[in-house]
PDB file of N, CA and C in Angstrom:
ATOM      1  N   MET A   1       5.071   9.050  -0.945  1.00  0.00           N
ATOM      2  CA  MET A   1       4.345   7.860  -0.548  1.00  0.00           C
ATOM      3  C   MET A   1       5.318   6.889   0.133  1.00  0.00           C
ATOM      4  N   LYS A   2       4.901   6.368   1.266  1.00  0.00           N
ATOM      5  CA  LYS A   2       5.734   5.419   1.996  1.00  0.00           C
ATOM      6  C   LYS A   2       5.712   4.057   1.318  1.00  0.00           C
ATOM      7  N   GLU A   3       6.868   3.418   1.301  1.00  0.00           N
ATOM      8  CA  GLU A   3       6.937   2.035   0.836  1.00  0.00           C
ATOM      9  C   GLU A   3       6.321   1.149   1.901  1.00  0.00           C
ATOM     10  N   LYS A   4       5.544   0.163   1.480  1.00  0.00           N
ATOM     11  CA  LYS A   4       4.894  -0.753   2.396  1.00  0.00           C
ATOM     12  C   LYS A   4       5.617  -2.095   2.403  1.00  0.00           C
ATOM     13  N   VAL A   5       5.821  -2.621   3.616  1.00  0.00           N
ATOM     14  CA  VAL A   5       6.535  -3.880   3.787  1.00  0.00           C
ATOM     15  C   VAL A   5       5.685  -4.804   4.634  1.00  0.00           C
ATOM     16  N   LEU A   6       5.608  -6.056   4.236  1.00  0.00           N
ATOM     17  CA  LEU A   6       4.925  -7.076   5.013  1.00  0.00           C
ATOM     18  C   LEU A   6       5.976  -8.003   5.613  1.00  0.00           C
ATOM     19  N   VAL A   7       5.933  -8.167   6.935  1.00  0.00           N
ATOM     20  CA  VAL A   7       6.826  -9.100   7.629  1.00  0.00           C
ATOM     21  C   VAL A   7       5.959 -10.227   8.176  1.00  0.00           C
ATOM     22  N   VAL A   8       6.248 -11.442   7.770  1.00  0.00           N
ATOM     23  CA  VAL A   8       5.486 -12.609   8.211  1.00  0.00           C
ATOM     24  C   VAL A   8       6.252 -13.277   9.341  1.00  0.00           C
ATOM     25  N   GLY A   9       5.639 -13.298  10.513  1.00  0.00           N
ATOM     26  CA  GLY A   9       6.256 -13.883  11.694  1.00  0.00           C
ATOM     27  C   GLY A   9       6.899 -12.808  12.542  1.00  0.00           C
ATOM     28  N   LEU A  10       6.411 -12.624  13.758  1.00  0.00           N
ATOM     29  CA  LEU A  10       6.918 -11.578  14.639  1.00  0.00           C
ATOM     30  C   LEU A  10       7.618 -12.176  15.856  1.00  0.00           C
ATOM     31  N   GLY A  11       8.574 -13.041  15.564  1.00  0.00           N
ATOM     32  CA  GLY A  11       9.373 -13.659  16.616  1.00  0.00           C
ATOM     33  C   GLY A  11      10.688 -12.929  16.793  1.00  0.00           C
ATOM     34  N   TYR A  12      11.728 -13.678  17.125  1.00  0.00           N
ATOM     35  CA  TYR A  12      13.036 -13.101  17.430  1.00  0.00           C
ATOM     36  C   TYR A  12      13.704 -12.423  16.231  1.00  0.00           C
ATOM     37  N   VAL A  13      13.278 -12.766  15.038  1.00  0.00           N
ATOM     38  CA  VAL A  13      13.814 -12.118  13.834  1.00  0.00           C
ATOM     39  C   VAL A  13      12.827 -11.080  13.303  1.00  0.00           C
ATOM     40  N   GLY A  14      11.582 -11.482  13.167  1.00  0.00           N
ATOM     41  CA  GLY A  14      10.586 -10.625  12.534  1.00  0.00           C
ATOM     42  C   GLY A  14      10.239  -9.360  13.299  1.00  0.00           C
ATOM     43  N   LEU A  15      10.159  -9.442  14.627  1.00  0.00           N
ATOM     44  CA  LEU A  15       9.802  -8.247  15.400  1.00  0.00           C
ATOM     45  C   LEU A  15      10.894  -7.183  15.351  1.00  0.00           C
ATOM     46  N   PRO A  16      12.155  -7.525  15.637  1.00  0.00           N
ATOM     47  CA  PRO A  16      13.196  -6.488  15.513  1.00  0.00           C
ATOM     48  C   PRO A  16      13.313  -5.936  14.087  1.00  0.00           C
ATOM     49  N   LEU A  17      13.156  -6.809  13.092  1.00  0.00           N
ATOM     50  CA  LEU A  17      13.193  -6.357  11.706  1.00  0.00           C
ATOM     51  C   LEU A  17      12.076  -5.350  11.450  1.00  0.00           C
ATOM     52  N   SER A  18      10.876  -5.673  11.913  1.00  0.00           N
ATOM     53  CA  SER A  18       9.728  -4.777  11.734  1.00  0.00           C
ATOM     54  C   SER A  18       9.970  -3.420  12.386  1.00  0.00           C
ATOM     55  N   ILE A  19      10.493  -3.439  13.602  1.00  0.00           N
ATOM     56  CA  ILE A  19      10.754  -2.189  14.314  1.00  0.00           C
ATOM     57  C   ILE A  19      11.783  -1.344  13.575  1.00  0.00           C
ATOM     58  N   ASN A  20      12.860  -1.972  13.123  1.00  0.00           N
ATOM     59  CA  ASN A  20      13.896  -1.215  12.404  1.00  0.00           C
ATOM     60  C   ASN A  20      13.392  -0.661  11.080  1.00  0.00           C
ATOM     61  N   LEU A  21      12.592  -1.428  10.370  1.00  0.00           N
ATOM     62  CA  LEU A  21      12.017  -0.929   9.116  1.00  0.00           C
ATOM     63  C   LEU A  21      11.063   0.234   9.381  1.00  0.00           C
ATOM     64  N   ALA A  22      10.258   0.117  10.442  1.00  0.00           N
ATOM     65  CA  ALA A  22       9.328   1.196  10.787  1.00  0.00           C
ATOM     66  C   ALA A  22      10.089   2.456  11.190  1.00  0.00           C
ATOM     67  N   ARG A  23      11.158   2.300  11.938  1.00  0.00           N
ATOM     68  CA  ARG A  23      11.998   3.451  12.324  1.00  0.00           C
ATOM     69  C   ARG A  23      12.614   4.127  11.109  1.00  0.00           C
ATOM     70  N   ALA A  24      12.910   3.321  10.079  1.00  0.00           N
ATOM     71  CA  ALA A  24      13.513   3.862   8.854  1.00  0.00           C
ATOM     72  C   ALA A  24      12.487   4.558   7.966  1.00  0.00           C
ATOM     73  N   GLY A  25      11.203   4.509   8.361  1.00  0.00           N
ATOM     74  CA  GLY A  25      10.179   5.230   7.621  1.00  0.00           C
ATOM     75  C   GLY A  25       9.289   4.385   6.742  1.00  0.00           C
ATOM     76  N   PHE A  26       9.485   3.081   6.742  1.00  0.00           N
ATOM     77  CA  PHE A  26       8.607   2.202   5.980  1.00  0.00           C
ATOM     78  C   PHE A  26       7.291   2.012   6.727  1.00  0.00           C
ATOM     79  N   GLU A  27       6.235   1.766   5.993  1.00  0.00           N
ATOM     80  CA  GLU A  27       4.953   1.392   6.585  1.00  0.00           C
ATOM     81  C   GLU A  27       4.950  -0.134   6.670  1.00  0.00           C
ATOM     82  N   VAL A  28       5.043  -0.667   7.881  1.00  0.00           N
ATOM     83  CA  VAL A  28       5.244  -2.095   8.090  1.00  0.00           C
ATOM     84  C   VAL A  28       3.971  -2.748   8.604  1.00  0.00           C
ATOM     85  N   TYR A  29       3.603  -3.846   7.956  1.00  0.00           N
ATOM     86  CA  TYR A  29       2.514  -4.700   8.424  1.00  0.00           C
ATOM     87  C   TYR A  29       3.163  -5.974   8.929  1.00  0.00           C
ATOM     88  N   GLY A  30       3.065  -6.196  10.230  1.00  0.00           N
ATOM     89  CA  GLY A  30       3.642  -7.382  10.839  1.00  0.00           C
ATOM     90  C   GLY A  30       2.561  -8.416  11.054  1.00  0.00           C
ATOM     91  N   PHE A  31       2.701  -9.570  10.426  1.00  0.00           N
ATOM     92  CA  PHE A  31       1.693 -10.626  10.515  1.00  0.00           C
ATOM     93  C   PHE A  31       2.194 -11.768  11.394  1.00  0.00           C
ATOM     94  N   ASP A  32       1.325 -12.207  12.299  1.00  0.00           N
ATOM     95  CA  ASP A  32       1.614 -13.389  13.101  1.00  0.00           C
ATOM     96  C   ASP A  32       0.286 -14.044  13.457  1.00  0.00           C
ATOM     97  N   THR A  33       0.259 -15.365  13.516  1.00  0.00           N
ATOM     98  CA  THR A  33      -0.980 -16.080  13.820  1.00  0.00           C
ATOM     99  C   THR A  33      -1.258 -16.157  15.321  1.00  0.00           C
ATOM    100  N   HIS A  34      -0.284 -15.808  16.149  1.00  0.00           N
ATOM    101  CA  HIS A  34      -0.476 -15.837  17.601  1.00  0.00           C
ATOM    102  C   HIS A  34      -1.169 -14.552  18.050  1.00  0.00           C
ATOM    103  N   ILE A  35      -2.433 -14.662  18.362  1.00  0.00           N
ATOM    104  CA  ILE A  35      -3.244 -13.495  18.712  1.00  0.00           C
ATOM    105  C   ILE A  35      -2.682 -12.775  19.938  1.00  0.00           C
ATOM    106  N   GLU A  36      -2.156 -13.531  20.902  1.00  0.00           N
ATOM    107  CA  GLU A  36      -1.607 -12.906  22.109  1.00  0.00           C
ATOM    108  C   GLU A  36      -0.452 -11.966  21.762  1.00  0.00           C
ATOM    109  N   LYS A  37       0.383 -12.362  20.817  1.00  0.00           N
ATOM    110  CA  LYS A  37       1.494 -11.498  20.397  1.00  0.00           C
ATOM    111  C   LYS A  37       0.951 -10.189  19.839  1.00  0.00           C
ATOM    112  N   ILE A  38      -0.041 -10.296  18.975  1.00  0.00           N
ATOM    113  CA  ILE A  38      -0.610  -9.104  18.342  1.00  0.00           C
ATOM    114  C   ILE A  38      -1.247  -8.202  19.390  1.00  0.00           C
ATOM    115  N   GLN A  39      -1.961  -8.792  20.343  1.00  0.00           N
ATOM    116  CA  GLN A  39      -2.582  -8.001  21.412  1.00  0.00           C
ATOM    117  C   GLN A  39      -1.527  -7.262  22.224  1.00  0.00           C
ATOM    118  N   HIS A  40      -0.436  -7.935  22.553  1.00  0.00           N
ATOM    119  CA  HIS A  40       0.653  -7.283  23.288  1.00  0.00           C
ATOM    120  C   HIS A  40       1.244  -6.130  22.472  1.00  0.00           C
ATOM    121  N   LEU A  41       1.502  -6.381  21.200  1.00  0.00           N
ATOM    122  CA  LEU A  41       2.115  -5.357  20.361  1.00  0.00           C
ATOM    123  C   LEU A  41       1.216  -4.135  20.212  1.00  0.00           C
ATOM    124  N   LYS A  42      -0.064  -4.345  20.056  1.00  0.00           N
ATOM    125  CA  LYS A  42      -0.984  -3.218  19.860  1.00  0.00           C
ATOM    126  C   LYS A  42      -1.034  -2.278  21.051  1.00  0.00           C
ATOM    127  N   ILE A  43      -0.692  -2.779  22.248  1.00  0.00           N
ATOM    128  CA  ILE A  43      -0.647  -1.896  23.416  1.00  0.00           C
ATOM    129  C   ILE A  43       0.795  -1.557  23.812  1.00  0.00           C
ATOM    130  N   GLY A  44       1.732  -1.931  22.953  1.00  0.00           N
ATOM    131  CA  GLY A  44       3.119  -1.543  23.146  1.00  0.00           C
ATOM    132  C   GLY A  44       3.911  -2.377  24.121  1.00  0.00           C
ATOM    133  N   LEU A  45       3.550  -3.632  24.279  1.00  0.00           N
ATOM    134  CA  LEU A  45       4.274  -4.517  25.181  1.00  0.00           C
ATOM    135  C   LEU A  45       5.115  -5.522  24.405  1.00  0.00           C
ATOM    136  N   SER A  46       6.343  -5.695  24.846  1.00  0.00           N
ATOM    137  CA  SER A  46       7.240  -6.652  24.216  1.00  0.00           C
ATOM    138  C   SER A  46       7.155  -7.996  24.915  1.00  0.00           C
ATOM    139  N   TYR A  47       7.290  -9.057  24.147  1.00  0.00           N
ATOM    140  CA  TYR A  47       7.339 -10.422  24.673  1.00  0.00           C
ATOM    141  C   TYR A  47       8.699 -11.049  24.375  1.00  0.00           C
ATOM    142  N   ILE A  48       9.619 -10.214  23.902  1.00  0.00           N
ATOM    143  CA  ILE A  48      10.982 -10.653  23.586  1.00  0.00           C
ATOM    144  C   ILE A  48      11.946  -9.809  24.414  1.00  0.00           C
ATOM    145  N   ASP A  49      12.820 -10.473  25.162  1.00  0.00           N
ATOM    146  CA  ASP A  49      13.735  -9.777  26.076  1.00  0.00           C
ATOM    147  C   ASP A  49      14.598  -8.726  25.388  1.00  0.00           C
ATOM    148  N   SER A  50      15.031  -8.980  24.181  1.00  0.00           N
ATOM    149  CA  SER A  50      15.949  -8.061  23.495  1.00  0.00           C
ATOM    150  C   SER A  50      15.236  -6.886  22.823  1.00  0.00           C
ATOM    151  N   VAL A  51      13.901  -6.845  22.915  1.00  0.00           N
ATOM    152  CA  VAL A  51      13.126  -5.757  22.314  1.00  0.00           C
ATOM    153  C   VAL A  51      12.437  -4.983  23.436  1.00  0.00           C
ATOM    154  N   GLU A  52      12.756  -3.702  23.544  1.00  0.00           N
ATOM    155  CA  GLU A  52      12.156  -2.869  24.585  1.00  0.00           C
ATOM    156  C   GLU A  52      10.724  -2.473  24.213  1.00  0.00           C
ATOM    157  N   SER A  53       9.861  -2.462  25.215  1.00  0.00           N
ATOM    158  CA  SER A  53       8.472  -2.066  24.989  1.00  0.00           C
ATOM    159  C   SER A  53       8.391  -0.643  24.441  1.00  0.00           C
ATOM    160  N   GLN A  54       9.282   0.233  24.890  1.00  0.00           N
ATOM    161  CA  GLN A  54       9.244   1.619  24.408  1.00  0.00           C
ATOM    162  C   GLN A  54       9.476   1.681  22.894  1.00  0.00           C
ATOM    163  N   SER A  55      10.318   0.799  22.363  1.00  0.00           N
ATOM    164  CA  SER A  55      10.550   0.756  20.912  1.00  0.00           C
ATOM    165  C   SER A  55       9.257   0.430  20.175  1.00  0.00           C
ATOM    166  N   ILE A  56       8.494  -0.504  20.733  1.00  0.00           N
ATOM    167  CA  ILE A  56       7.222  -0.884  20.117  1.00  0.00           C
ATOM    168  C   ILE A  56       6.242   0.280  20.204  1.00  0.00           C
ATOM    169  N   LYS A  57       6.156   0.904  21.369  1.00  0.00           N
ATOM    170  CA  LYS A  57       5.254   2.048  21.543  1.00  0.00           C
ATOM    171  C   LYS A  57       5.578   3.151  20.548  1.00  0.00           C
ATOM    172  N   ASP A  58       6.864   3.401  20.341  1.00  0.00           N
ATOM    173  CA  ASP A  58       7.292   4.470  19.428  1.00  0.00           C
ATOM    174  C   ASP A  58       6.826   4.218  17.999  1.00  0.00           C
ATOM    175  N   VAL A  59       7.023   2.991  17.500  1.00  0.00           N
ATOM    176  CA  VAL A  59       6.648   2.729  16.104  1.00  0.00           C
ATOM    177  C   VAL A  59       5.134   2.565  15.941  1.00  0.00           C
ATOM    178  N   ILE A  60       4.455   2.118  16.991  1.00  0.00           N
ATOM    179  CA  ILE A  60       2.986   2.056  16.941  1.00  0.00           C
ATOM    180  C   ILE A  60       2.423   3.479  16.875  1.00  0.00           C
ATOM    181  N   SER A  61       2.939   4.356  17.741  1.00  0.00           N
ATOM    182  CA  SER A  61       2.430   5.730  17.768  1.00  0.00           C
ATOM    183  C   SER A  61       2.770   6.495  16.486  1.00  0.00           C
ATOM    184  N   SER A  62       3.858   6.115  15.815  1.00  0.00           N
ATOM    185  CA  SER A  62       4.214   6.768  14.549  1.00  0.00           C
ATOM    186  C   SER A  62       3.327   6.295  13.393  1.00  0.00           C
ATOM    187  N   LYS A  63       2.559   5.253  13.660  1.00  0.00           N
ATOM    188  CA  LYS A  63       1.682   4.624  12.664  1.00  0.00           C
ATOM    189  C   LYS A  63       2.466   3.950  11.533  1.00  0.00           C
ATOM    190  N   ASN A  64       3.750   3.678  11.783  1.00  0.00           N
ATOM    191  CA  ASN A  64       4.562   2.965  10.794  1.00  0.00           C
ATOM    192  C   ASN A  64       4.539   1.462  11.005  1.00  0.00           C
ATOM    193  N   PHE A  65       4.021   1.003  12.138  1.00  0.00           N
ATOM    194  CA  PHE A  65       3.985  -0.426  12.432  1.00  0.00           C
ATOM    195  C   PHE A  65       2.553  -0.836  12.747  1.00  0.00           C
ATOM    196  N   ASN A  66       2.062  -1.804  11.981  1.00  0.00           N
ATOM    197  CA  ASN A  66       0.685  -2.268  12.106  1.00  0.00           C
ATOM    198  C   ASN A  66       0.668  -3.779  12.290  1.00  0.00           C
ATOM    199  N   PRO A  67       0.562  -4.262  13.529  1.00  0.00           N
ATOM    200  CA  PRO A  67       0.518  -5.712  13.757  1.00  0.00           C
ATOM    201  C   PRO A  67      -0.866  -6.277  13.432  1.00  0.00           C
ATOM    202  N   VAL A  68      -0.898  -7.389  12.702  1.00  0.00           N
ATOM    203  CA  VAL A  68      -2.163  -8.037  12.325  1.00  0.00           C
ATOM    204  C   VAL A  68      -2.041  -9.544  12.531  1.00  0.00           C
ATOM    205  N   SER A  69      -3.195 -10.176  12.821  1.00  0.00           N
ATOM    206  CA  SER A  69      -3.158 -11.614  13.117  1.00  0.00           C
ATOM    207  C   SER A  69      -4.053 -12.461  12.236  1.00  0.00           C
ATOM    208  N   LYS A  70      -4.965 -11.854  11.536  1.00  0.00           N
ATOM    209  CA  LYS A  70      -5.900 -12.655  10.750  1.00  0.00           C
ATOM    210  C   LYS A  70      -5.651 -12.429   9.268  1.00  0.00           C
ATOM    211  N   ILE A  71      -5.585 -13.533   8.557  1.00  0.00           N
ATOM    212  CA  ILE A  71      -5.370 -13.450   7.105  1.00  0.00           C
ATOM    213  C   ILE A  71      -6.481 -12.639   6.459  1.00  0.00           C
ATOM    214  N   SER A  72      -7.714 -12.865   6.852  1.00  0.00           N
ATOM    215  CA  SER A  72      -8.832 -12.153   6.220  1.00  0.00           C
ATOM    216  C   SER A  72      -8.703 -10.651   6.405  1.00  0.00           C
ATOM    217  N   ASN A  73      -8.159 -10.213   7.547  1.00  0.00           N
ATOM    218  CA  ASN A  73      -7.956  -8.791   7.779  1.00  0.00           C
ATOM    219  C   ASN A  73      -6.684  -8.282   7.114  1.00  0.00           C
ATOM    220  N   SER A  74      -5.847  -9.195   6.664  1.00  0.00           N
ATOM    221  CA  SER A  74      -4.538  -8.806   6.138  1.00  0.00           C
ATOM    222  C   SER A  74      -4.460  -8.762   4.620  1.00  0.00           C
ATOM    223  N   TYR A  75      -5.461  -9.292   3.920  1.00  0.00           N
ATOM    224  CA  TYR A  75      -5.390  -9.336   2.467  1.00  0.00           C
ATOM    225  C   TYR A  75      -5.128  -7.975   1.853  1.00  0.00           C
ATOM    226  N   LYS A  76      -5.792  -6.957   2.337  1.00  0.00           N
ATOM    227  CA  LYS A  76      -5.570  -5.617   1.772  1.00  0.00           C
ATOM    228  C   LYS A  76      -4.132  -5.178   1.988  1.00  0.00           C
ATOM    229  N   GLN A  77      -3.597  -5.409   3.209  1.00  0.00           N
ATOM    230  CA  GLN A  77      -2.232  -5.032   3.495  1.00  0.00           C
ATOM    231  C   GLN A  77      -1.244  -5.834   2.655  1.00  0.00           C
ATOM    232  N   ILE A  78      -1.483  -7.128   2.521  1.00  0.00           N
ATOM    233  CA  ILE A  78      -0.602  -7.980   1.736  1.00  0.00           C
ATOM    234  C   ILE A  78      -0.569  -7.497   0.280  1.00  0.00           C
ATOM    235  N   GLY A  79      -1.715  -7.203  -0.257  1.00  0.00           N
ATOM    236  CA  GLY A  79      -1.800  -6.737  -1.636  1.00  0.00           C
ATOM    237  C   GLY A  79      -1.163  -5.390  -1.859  1.00  0.00           C
ATOM    238  N   ARG A  80      -1.095  -4.584  -0.837  1.00  0.00           N
ATOM    239  CA  ARG A  80      -0.520  -3.239  -0.939  1.00  0.00           C
ATOM    240  C   ARG A  80       0.978  -3.215  -0.660  1.00  0.00           C
ATOM    241  N   ALA A  81       1.507  -4.311  -0.146  1.00  0.00           N
ATOM    242  CA  ALA A  81       2.926  -4.325   0.222  1.00  0.00           C
ATOM    243  C   ALA A  81       3.812  -4.275  -1.006  1.00  0.00           C
ATOM    244  N   HIS A  82       4.859  -3.470  -0.925  1.00  0.00           N
ATOM    245  CA  HIS A  82       5.837  -3.389  -2.010  1.00  0.00           C
ATOM    246  C   HIS A  82       6.914  -4.447  -1.843  1.00  0.00           C
ATOM    247  N   VAL A  83       7.187  -4.810  -0.605  1.00  0.00           N
ATOM    248  CA  VAL A  83       8.238  -5.790  -0.299  1.00  0.00           C
ATOM    249  C   VAL A  83       7.698  -6.806   0.660  1.00  0.00           C
TER     250      VAL A  83
END
């Protein structure tokens, strides 16, 4: 069973952290209130210069990274997170 991690905030710290955790095999739920960020991430586009879009595409396709923007949609993920 994969360990589940919730990362709150997908900015210059949270997004790279989420990607690295997802690459390491964790199931990561990345939460951010900015809907545009979540929309970009879901189609594999980066909005941060130091993060390549291909890195996002890789972890999205592996199903290890799940970006979410609404608290109501995130309660299940938050409750399931180990870290």
